[in-house]
Amino acid sequence: MSKNHGSVQITITGHKFDDSEYMIRRVRPMFEEIFQTSLKVLLVKDENTMILYAYSKRVALILHKWGMPFGRKKLSHLTPALALDEVSFIRGLF
């Protein structure tokens, strides 16, 4: 999520070829069902990058409330604020 002149951009990135089916058929519908907000698709020219994005302050505030910081993310800094049951977490991952 990045703040930009009063609006907030939410982006989900992946590999244009390897992640395309998963992002279009799984991530995009799930996001739209949860947040009632459509994600647009951007295929970056001369790169293998696919971006799903939307501008929504409402969604950004919900994600922030859930613990997602604003600005660029480093995976190592994204730790859950909740105590997780490891078995359930791993089961949900697969």
N, C-alpha and C. Protein backbone atom coordinates (compact mmCIF):
# COMPACT_ATOMS: atom_id res chain seq x y z
N MET A 1 0.86 -1.17 0.00
CA MET A 1 0.00 0.00 0.00
C MET A 1 0.90 1.22 0.00
N SER A 2 0.58 2.15 -0.83
CA SER A 2 1.33 3.40 -0.81
C SER A 2 0.36 4.57 -0.94
N LYS A 3 0.59 5.56 -0.10
CA LYS A 3 -0.26 6.75 -0.12
C LYS A 3 0.18 7.63 -1.28
N ASN A 4 -0.80 8.21 -1.97
CA ASN A 4 -0.49 9.02 -3.14
C ASN A 4 -1.55 10.10 -3.31
N HIS A 5 -1.28 11.29 -2.84
CA HIS A 5 -2.17 12.43 -3.02
C HIS A 5 -3.61 12.15 -2.57
N GLY A 6 -3.78 11.66 -1.36
CA GLY A 6 -5.12 11.45 -0.83
C GLY A 6 -5.73 10.11 -1.12
N SER A 7 -5.24 9.40 -2.12
CA SER A 7 -5.73 8.05 -2.38
C SER A 7 -4.63 7.07 -1.99
N VAL A 8 -5.00 5.82 -1.88
CA VAL A 8 -4.03 4.80 -1.50
C VAL A 8 -4.05 3.69 -2.54
N GLN A 9 -2.88 3.38 -3.07
CA GLN A 9 -2.77 2.32 -4.06
C GLN A 9 -2.43 1.01 -3.36
N ILE A 10 -3.19 -0.02 -3.68
CA ILE A 10 -2.94 -1.36 -3.17
C ILE A 10 -2.44 -2.17 -4.35
N THR A 11 -1.28 -2.80 -4.22
CA THR A 11 -0.74 -3.61 -5.31
C THR A 11 -0.37 -5.00 -4.82
N ILE A 12 -0.60 -5.96 -5.69
CA ILE A 12 -0.18 -7.34 -5.46
C ILE A 12 0.60 -7.73 -6.70
N THR A 13 1.85 -8.10 -6.53
CA THR A 13 2.69 -8.40 -7.69
C THR A 13 3.05 -9.87 -7.74
N GLY A 14 3.33 -10.32 -8.95
CA GLY A 14 3.74 -11.70 -9.16
C GLY A 14 4.41 -11.84 -10.51
N HIS A 15 4.82 -13.05 -10.81
CA HIS A 15 5.46 -13.35 -12.09
C HIS A 15 4.39 -13.44 -13.18
N LYS A 16 4.64 -12.77 -14.27
CA LYS A 16 3.67 -12.67 -15.37
C LYS A 16 3.22 -14.03 -15.91
N PHE A 17 4.11 -14.99 -15.93
CA PHE A 17 3.78 -16.30 -16.48
C PHE A 17 3.53 -17.35 -15.39
N ASP A 18 4.42 -17.40 -14.42
CA ASP A 18 4.31 -18.43 -13.38
C ASP A 18 3.12 -18.22 -12.45
N ASP A 19 2.77 -16.98 -12.15
CA ASP A 19 1.72 -16.68 -11.18
C ASP A 19 0.41 -16.22 -11.79
N SER A 20 0.37 -16.07 -13.09
CA SER A 20 -0.78 -15.47 -13.76
C SER A 20 -2.10 -16.17 -13.44
N GLU A 21 -2.15 -17.47 -13.62
CA GLU A 21 -3.40 -18.19 -13.39
C GLU A 21 -3.84 -18.08 -11.94
N TYR A 22 -2.91 -18.23 -11.01
CA TYR A 22 -3.24 -18.13 -9.58
C TYR A 22 -3.75 -16.73 -9.22
N MET A 23 -3.07 -15.71 -9.72
CA MET A 23 -3.46 -14.34 -9.38
C MET A 23 -4.81 -13.97 -9.99
N ILE A 24 -5.06 -14.39 -11.22
CA ILE A 24 -6.31 -14.04 -11.90
C ILE A 24 -7.48 -14.87 -11.39
N ARG A 25 -7.26 -16.15 -11.21
CA ARG A 25 -8.38 -17.04 -10.84
C ARG A 25 -8.59 -17.19 -9.34
N ARG A 26 -7.58 -16.88 -8.54
CA ARG A 26 -7.70 -17.10 -7.10
C ARG A 26 -7.63 -15.79 -6.30
N VAL A 27 -6.52 -15.07 -6.46
CA VAL A 27 -6.29 -13.86 -5.66
C VAL A 27 -7.30 -12.77 -5.99
N ARG A 28 -7.46 -12.49 -7.28
CA ARG A 28 -8.36 -11.40 -7.70
C ARG A 28 -9.80 -11.62 -7.24
N PRO A 29 -10.42 -12.80 -7.48
CA PRO A 29 -11.79 -13.01 -7.01
C PRO A 29 -11.91 -12.98 -5.48
N MET A 30 -10.89 -13.51 -4.79
CA MET A 30 -10.93 -13.52 -3.33
C MET A 30 -10.88 -12.08 -2.79
N PHE A 31 -10.01 -11.26 -3.36
CA PHE A 31 -9.90 -9.86 -2.96
C PHE A 31 -11.22 -9.14 -3.20
N GLU A 32 -11.81 -9.36 -4.37
CA GLU A 32 -13.07 -8.70 -4.72
C GLU A 32 -14.21 -9.16 -3.82
N GLU A 33 -14.20 -10.43 -3.44
CA GLU A 33 -15.25 -10.94 -2.55
C GLU A 33 -15.11 -10.35 -1.15
N ILE A 34 -13.90 -10.26 -0.65
CA ILE A 34 -13.67 -9.76 0.71
C ILE A 34 -13.88 -8.26 0.79
N PHE A 35 -13.36 -7.50 -0.18
CA PHE A 35 -13.37 -6.04 -0.09
C PHE A 35 -14.37 -5.34 -1.01
N GLN A 36 -15.09 -6.07 -1.85
CA GLN A 36 -16.01 -5.49 -2.82
C GLN A 36 -15.32 -4.38 -3.64
N THR A 37 -14.09 -4.66 -4.02
CA THR A 37 -13.29 -3.74 -4.82
C THR A 37 -12.59 -4.53 -5.92
N SER A 38 -12.71 -4.06 -7.15
CA SER A 38 -12.09 -4.74 -8.29
C SER A 38 -10.61 -4.40 -8.39
N LEU A 39 -9.82 -5.39 -8.75
CA LEU A 39 -8.40 -5.18 -9.01
C LEU A 39 -8.18 -5.13 -10.51
N LYS A 40 -7.44 -4.14 -10.97
CA LYS A 40 -7.07 -4.04 -12.38
C LYS A 40 -5.78 -4.85 -12.58
N VAL A 41 -5.56 -5.28 -13.81
CA VAL A 41 -4.38 -6.08 -14.14
C VAL A 41 -3.44 -5.26 -15.01
N LEU A 42 -2.17 -5.26 -14.65
CA LEU A 42 -1.14 -4.59 -15.43
C LEU A 42 -0.02 -5.59 -15.71
N LEU A 43 0.27 -5.82 -16.99
CA LEU A 43 1.40 -6.65 -17.38
C LEU A 43 2.52 -5.71 -17.79
N VAL A 44 3.62 -5.74 -17.06
CA VAL A 44 4.71 -4.79 -17.28
C VAL A 44 5.50 -5.19 -18.52
N LYS A 45 5.59 -4.26 -19.47
CA LYS A 45 6.30 -4.50 -20.72
C LYS A 45 7.79 -4.68 -20.45
N ASP A 46 8.40 -5.61 -21.17
CA ASP A 46 9.84 -5.91 -21.07
C ASP A 46 10.25 -6.44 -19.69
N GLU A 47 9.28 -6.88 -18.89
CA GLU A 47 9.55 -7.51 -17.60
C GLU A 47 8.63 -8.71 -17.46
N ASN A 48 8.93 -9.58 -16.55
CA ASN A 48 8.07 -10.72 -16.27
C ASN A 48 7.19 -10.44 -15.06
N THR A 49 6.72 -9.21 -14.95
CA THR A 49 5.96 -8.78 -13.79
C THR A 49 4.50 -8.57 -14.13
N MET A 50 3.66 -9.06 -13.23
CA MET A 50 2.21 -8.85 -13.32
C MET A 50 1.80 -8.13 -12.05
N ILE A 51 0.97 -7.10 -12.19
CA ILE A 51 0.53 -6.33 -11.04
C ILE A 51 -0.99 -6.29 -11.01
N LEU A 52 -1.56 -6.65 -9.87
CA LEU A 52 -2.98 -6.42 -9.61
C LEU A 52 -3.02 -5.19 -8.73
N TYR A 53 -3.87 -4.20 -9.09
CA TYR A 53 -3.87 -2.98 -8.30
C TYR A 53 -5.26 -2.35 -8.23
N ALA A 54 -5.44 -1.55 -7.19
CA ALA A 54 -6.66 -0.78 -7.01
C ALA A 54 -6.31 0.43 -6.16
N TYR A 55 -7.12 1.46 -6.26
CA TYR A 55 -6.99 2.63 -5.40
C TYR A 55 -8.18 2.64 -4.46
N SER A 56 -7.92 2.49 -3.17
CA SER A 56 -9.01 2.47 -2.21
C SER A 56 -8.48 2.78 -0.81
N LYS A 57 -8.85 3.95 -0.33
CA LYS A 57 -8.47 4.32 1.03
C LYS A 57 -9.17 3.41 2.04
N ARG A 58 -10.41 3.04 1.76
CA ARG A 58 -11.19 2.19 2.66
C ARG A 58 -10.51 0.83 2.84
N VAL A 59 -10.12 0.20 1.75
CA VAL A 59 -9.46 -1.10 1.81
C VAL A 59 -8.10 -0.96 2.50
N ALA A 60 -7.37 0.09 2.18
CA ALA A 60 -6.06 0.31 2.79
C ALA A 60 -6.17 0.45 4.31
N LEU A 61 -7.19 1.15 4.77
CA LEU A 61 -7.36 1.31 6.22
C LEU A 61 -7.72 -0.01 6.89
N ILE A 62 -8.50 -0.84 6.21
CA ILE A 62 -8.81 -2.17 6.76
C ILE A 62 -7.54 -3.00 6.86
N LEU A 63 -6.75 -3.03 5.78
CA LEU A 63 -5.51 -3.80 5.79
C LEU A 63 -4.54 -3.28 6.85
N HIS A 64 -4.49 -1.96 7.00
CA HIS A 64 -3.62 -1.35 8.01
C HIS A 64 -4.08 -1.74 9.42
N LYS A 65 -5.38 -1.76 9.62
CA LYS A 65 -5.94 -2.18 10.92
C LYS A 65 -5.57 -3.63 11.22
N TRP A 66 -5.48 -4.45 10.18
CA TRP A 66 -5.11 -5.86 10.33
C TRP A 66 -3.60 -6.05 10.50
N GLY A 67 -2.84 -4.96 10.44
CA GLY A 67 -1.40 -5.05 10.68
C GLY A 67 -0.51 -4.83 9.48
N MET A 68 -1.07 -4.52 8.33
CA MET A 68 -0.27 -4.29 7.12
C MET A 68 0.22 -2.84 7.15
N PRO A 69 1.54 -2.62 7.18
CA PRO A 69 2.04 -1.25 7.21
C PRO A 69 1.89 -0.56 5.85
N PHE A 70 1.84 0.77 5.88
CA PHE A 70 1.85 1.55 4.65
C PHE A 70 3.27 1.56 4.10
N GLY A 71 3.41 1.78 2.80
CA GLY A 71 4.72 1.88 2.17
C GLY A 71 5.25 0.55 1.69
N ARG A 72 6.50 0.57 1.24
CA ARG A 72 7.14 -0.64 0.71
C ARG A 72 7.31 -1.67 1.81
N LYS A 73 7.18 -2.93 1.45
CA LYS A 73 7.26 -4.02 2.42
C LYS A 73 8.51 -4.86 2.19
N LYS A 74 9.06 -5.32 3.27
CA LYS A 74 10.09 -6.36 3.22
C LYS A 74 9.47 -7.57 3.89
N LEU A 75 9.55 -8.70 3.24
CA LEU A 75 8.93 -9.91 3.77
C LEU A 75 9.39 -10.20 5.19
N SER A 76 10.65 -9.93 5.49
CA SER A 76 11.17 -10.22 6.82
C SER A 76 10.52 -9.36 7.90
N HIS A 77 9.94 -8.22 7.52
CA HIS A 77 9.31 -7.33 8.50
C HIS A 77 7.82 -7.59 8.68
N LEU A 78 7.24 -8.47 7.89
CA LEU A 78 5.82 -8.76 7.98
C LEU A 78 5.61 -9.97 8.89
N THR A 79 5.42 -9.70 10.15
CA THR A 79 5.17 -10.78 11.10
C THR A 79 3.76 -10.64 11.65
N PRO A 80 3.08 -11.75 11.82
CA PRO A 80 1.71 -11.67 12.34
C PRO A 80 1.67 -11.16 13.77
N ALA A 81 0.68 -10.33 14.07
CA ALA A 81 0.51 -9.80 15.42
C ALA A 81 -0.22 -10.80 16.31
N LEU A 82 -0.81 -11.82 15.70
CA LEU A 82 -1.57 -12.81 16.45
C LEU A 82 -0.72 -14.04 16.72
N ALA A 83 -1.00 -14.70 17.83
CA ALA A 83 -0.36 -15.98 18.09
C ALA A 83 -0.99 -17.01 17.16
N LEU A 84 -0.17 -17.75 16.45
CA LEU A 84 -0.69 -18.70 15.47
C LEU A 84 -0.54 -20.13 15.98
N ASP A 85 -1.52 -20.93 15.71
CA ASP A 85 -1.42 -22.37 15.92
C ASP A 85 -0.67 -22.90 14.70
N GLU A 86 0.56 -23.34 14.90
CA GLU A 86 1.43 -23.70 13.78
C GLU A 86 0.82 -24.76 12.86
N VAL A 87 0.19 -25.77 13.43
CA VAL A 87 -0.39 -26.84 12.62
C VAL A 87 -1.50 -26.29 11.73
N SER A 88 -2.39 -25.49 12.31
CA SER A 88 -3.49 -24.90 11.52
C SER A 88 -2.95 -23.95 10.47
N PHE A 89 -1.92 -23.19 10.82
CA PHE A 89 -1.34 -22.25 9.88
C PHE A 89 -0.76 -22.98 8.68
N ILE A 90 0.03 -24.02 8.94
CA ILE A 90 0.65 -24.78 7.85
C ILE A 90 -0.42 -25.47 7.01
N ARG A 91 -1.45 -26.01 7.66
CA ARG A 91 -2.53 -26.65 6.92
C ARG A 91 -3.23 -25.64 6.00
N GLY A 92 -3.46 -24.43 6.47
CA GLY A 92 -4.10 -23.40 5.67
C GLY A 92 -3.23 -22.92 4.53
N LEU A 93 -1.94 -23.05 4.70
CA LEU A 93 -1.00 -22.62 3.67
C LEU A 93 -1.08 -23.52 2.44
N PHE A 94 -1.40 -24.80 2.65
CA PHE A 94 -1.48 -25.75 1.56
C PHE A 94 -2.90 -26.13 1.30
